[in-house]
């Protein structure tokens, strides 16, 4: 699955049932696999009719490079080294965003809580990777 695919091509590549509704105005929306209860657990973001990001908030998925929900900031630093750009979390004092730029303009972004544990991660392209509230 490549970022930039339109929804029809994405659905063909996914080859599984997806829940969610397309935005008829070209706005932001999520599609989720049928087995997911909430887009905050695992969701595919679309904007302008194209796949731009996916979000993960569960422990059984592994990010590119090996990061996972539940790891510590130090474990993420060990995995990704000096490629990490750390910034304060927008809403939670003491929490961080750990942003790792990848090849082909893709970005991996981990969120932590104030204790330094990874609570969620996402992969996508700018500017959508930096939408703190998702599609809200």
Protein backbone atom coordinates (compact mmCIF):
# COMPACT_ATOMS: atom_id res chain seq x y z
CA UNK A 1 0.00 0.00 0.00
CA UNK A 2 1.51 3.29 -1.07
CA UNK A 3 0.71 6.74 0.20
CA UNK A 4 -1.16 8.67 -2.45
CA UNK A 5 -3.34 5.79 -3.65
CA UNK A 6 -6.92 6.81 -4.27
CA UNK A 7 -9.56 5.02 -2.22
CA UNK A 8 -10.54 2.61 -5.01
CA UNK A 9 -6.93 1.50 -5.57
CA UNK A 10 -6.39 1.28 -1.81
CA UNK A 11 -9.43 -1.00 -1.38
CA UNK A 12 -8.20 -3.23 -4.21
CA UNK A 13 -4.73 -3.47 -2.63
CA UNK A 14 -6.14 -4.12 0.87
CA UNK A 15 -8.46 -6.91 -0.36
CA UNK A 16 -10.39 -6.98 2.91
CA UNK A 17 -13.54 -5.44 4.31
CA UNK A 18 -13.22 -1.87 5.53
CA UNK A 19 -15.53 0.20 7.70
CA UNK A 20 -16.01 3.94 7.40
CA UNK A 21 -17.45 6.46 5.03
CA UNK A 22 -15.69 8.50 2.36
CA UNK A 23 -15.82 12.27 2.63
CA UNK A 24 -17.76 13.54 -0.36
CA UNK A 25 -16.23 17.01 0.00
CA UNK A 26 -12.65 15.76 -0.30
CA UNK A 27 -12.11 16.20 3.44
CA UNK A 28 -10.33 13.98 5.92
CA UNK A 29 -11.74 10.57 6.91
CA UNK A 30 -10.67 7.18 8.23
CA UNK A 31 -11.28 3.66 6.99
CA UNK A 32 -10.67 0.77 9.36
CA UNK A 33 -10.47 -2.99 8.95
CA UNK A 34 -13.74 -4.65 10.02
CA UNK A 35 -12.00 -6.34 12.98
CA UNK A 36 -11.07 -2.97 14.54
CA UNK A 37 -13.43 -1.33 17.04
CA UNK A 38 -12.03 2.21 16.72
CA UNK A 39 -9.86 4.16 14.28
CA UNK A 40 -7.69 5.08 17.28
CA UNK A 41 -6.70 1.37 17.51
CA UNK A 42 -5.83 1.04 13.83
CA UNK A 43 -7.02 3.33 11.05
CA UNK A 44 -6.18 4.43 7.53
CA UNK A 45 -6.46 8.19 6.96
CA UNK A 46 -7.56 9.65 3.64
CA UNK A 47 -7.68 13.26 2.60
CA UNK A 48 -8.60 14.62 -0.81
CA UNK A 49 -9.60 11.05 -1.69
CA UNK A 50 -6.04 9.71 -1.21
CA UNK A 51 -4.35 7.50 1.40
CA UNK A 52 -2.06 9.73 3.49
CA UNK A 53 -1.46 8.09 6.88
CA UNK A 54 -2.17 5.15 9.17
CA UNK A 55 -2.54 5.28 12.95
CA UNK A 56 -1.84 2.53 15.49
CA UNK A 57 -2.81 2.54 19.16
CA UNK A 58 -2.55 -1.14 20.04
CA UNK A 59 0.35 -3.24 21.27
CA UNK A 60 0.24 -6.06 18.72
CA UNK A 61 1.42 -3.96 15.75
CA UNK A 62 5.08 -3.10 15.11
CA UNK A 63 6.18 0.15 13.48
CA UNK A 64 8.76 0.22 10.70
CA UNK A 65 12.11 -0.16 12.44
CA UNK A 66 10.72 -2.12 15.41
CA UNK A 67 8.97 0.42 17.68
CA UNK A 68 5.78 -0.56 19.52
CA UNK A 69 3.15 0.83 21.83
CA UNK A 70 4.32 0.23 25.42
CA UNK A 71 8.03 0.78 24.76
CA UNK A 72 9.93 3.53 26.56
CA UNK A 73 11.46 6.64 25.01
CA UNK A 74 14.92 5.17 25.68
CA UNK A 75 14.03 2.00 23.77
CA UNK A 76 12.86 4.11 20.83
CA UNK A 77 16.06 6.18 20.99
CA UNK A 78 18.07 2.94 20.84
CA UNK A 79 16.16 1.74 17.78
CA UNK A 80 16.11 4.98 15.79
CA UNK A 81 19.18 6.84 17.08
CA UNK A 82 19.91 10.41 16.08
CA UNK A 83 17.17 10.44 13.40
CA UNK A 84 14.60 11.35 16.10
CA UNK A 85 13.29 14.88 16.40
CA UNK A 86 11.69 15.30 19.85
CA UNK A 87 9.03 17.93 20.53
CA UNK A 88 6.67 18.50 23.47
CA UNK A 89 3.20 16.98 23.23
CA UNK A 90 0.52 19.53 22.38
CA UNK A 91 -1.91 18.48 25.11
CA UNK A 92 -0.09 16.40 27.75
CA UNK A 93 2.57 18.11 29.90
CA UNK A 94 5.76 16.04 30.03
CA UNK A 95 4.74 13.90 27.04
CA UNK A 96 6.59 13.93 23.71
CA UNK A 97 6.28 13.44 19.99
CA UNK A 98 9.18 11.46 18.52
CA UNK A 99 9.34 12.18 14.78
CA UNK A 100 11.52 10.14 12.42
CA UNK A 101 11.76 11.26 8.81
CA UNK A 102 12.05 8.39 6.38
CA UNK A 103 12.77 7.87 2.73
CA UNK A 104 10.41 9.16 0.05
CA UNK A 105 8.97 11.91 2.28
CA UNK A 106 7.34 9.43 4.70
CA UNK A 107 7.42 10.08 8.45
CA UNK A 108 7.07 7.82 11.48
CA UNK A 109 5.78 9.58 14.59
CA UNK A 110 5.52 8.11 18.10
CA UNK A 111 3.49 9.72 20.92
CA UNK A 112 4.40 9.23 24.58
CA UNK A 113 2.67 9.85 27.86
CA UNK A 114 4.28 11.91 30.64
CA UNK A 115 6.03 8.82 32.03
CA UNK A 116 7.86 8.23 28.73
CA UNK A 117 5.86 5.24 27.46
CA UNK A 118 4.78 5.03 23.83
CA UNK A 119 0.98 5.29 23.67
CA UNK A 120 0.49 5.32 19.90
CA UNK A 121 2.30 5.75 16.61
CA UNK A 122 1.53 6.70 13.05
CA UNK A 123 3.14 6.69 9.62
CA UNK A 124 2.29 9.10 6.85
CA UNK A 125 3.19 12.07 4.74
CA UNK A 126 3.24 15.78 5.58
CA UNK A 127 1.15 17.67 6.37
CA UNK A 128 -1.28 14.94 7.51
CA UNK A 129 1.29 13.12 9.67
CA UNK A 130 1.32 16.20 11.91
CA UNK A 131 -2.47 16.46 12.37
CA UNK A 132 -2.50 16.08 16.16
CA UNK A 133 -6.27 15.50 16.33
CA UNK A 134 -6.46 13.16 13.35
CA UNK A 135 -9.40 14.22 11.19
CA UNK A 136 -11.03 16.33 13.90
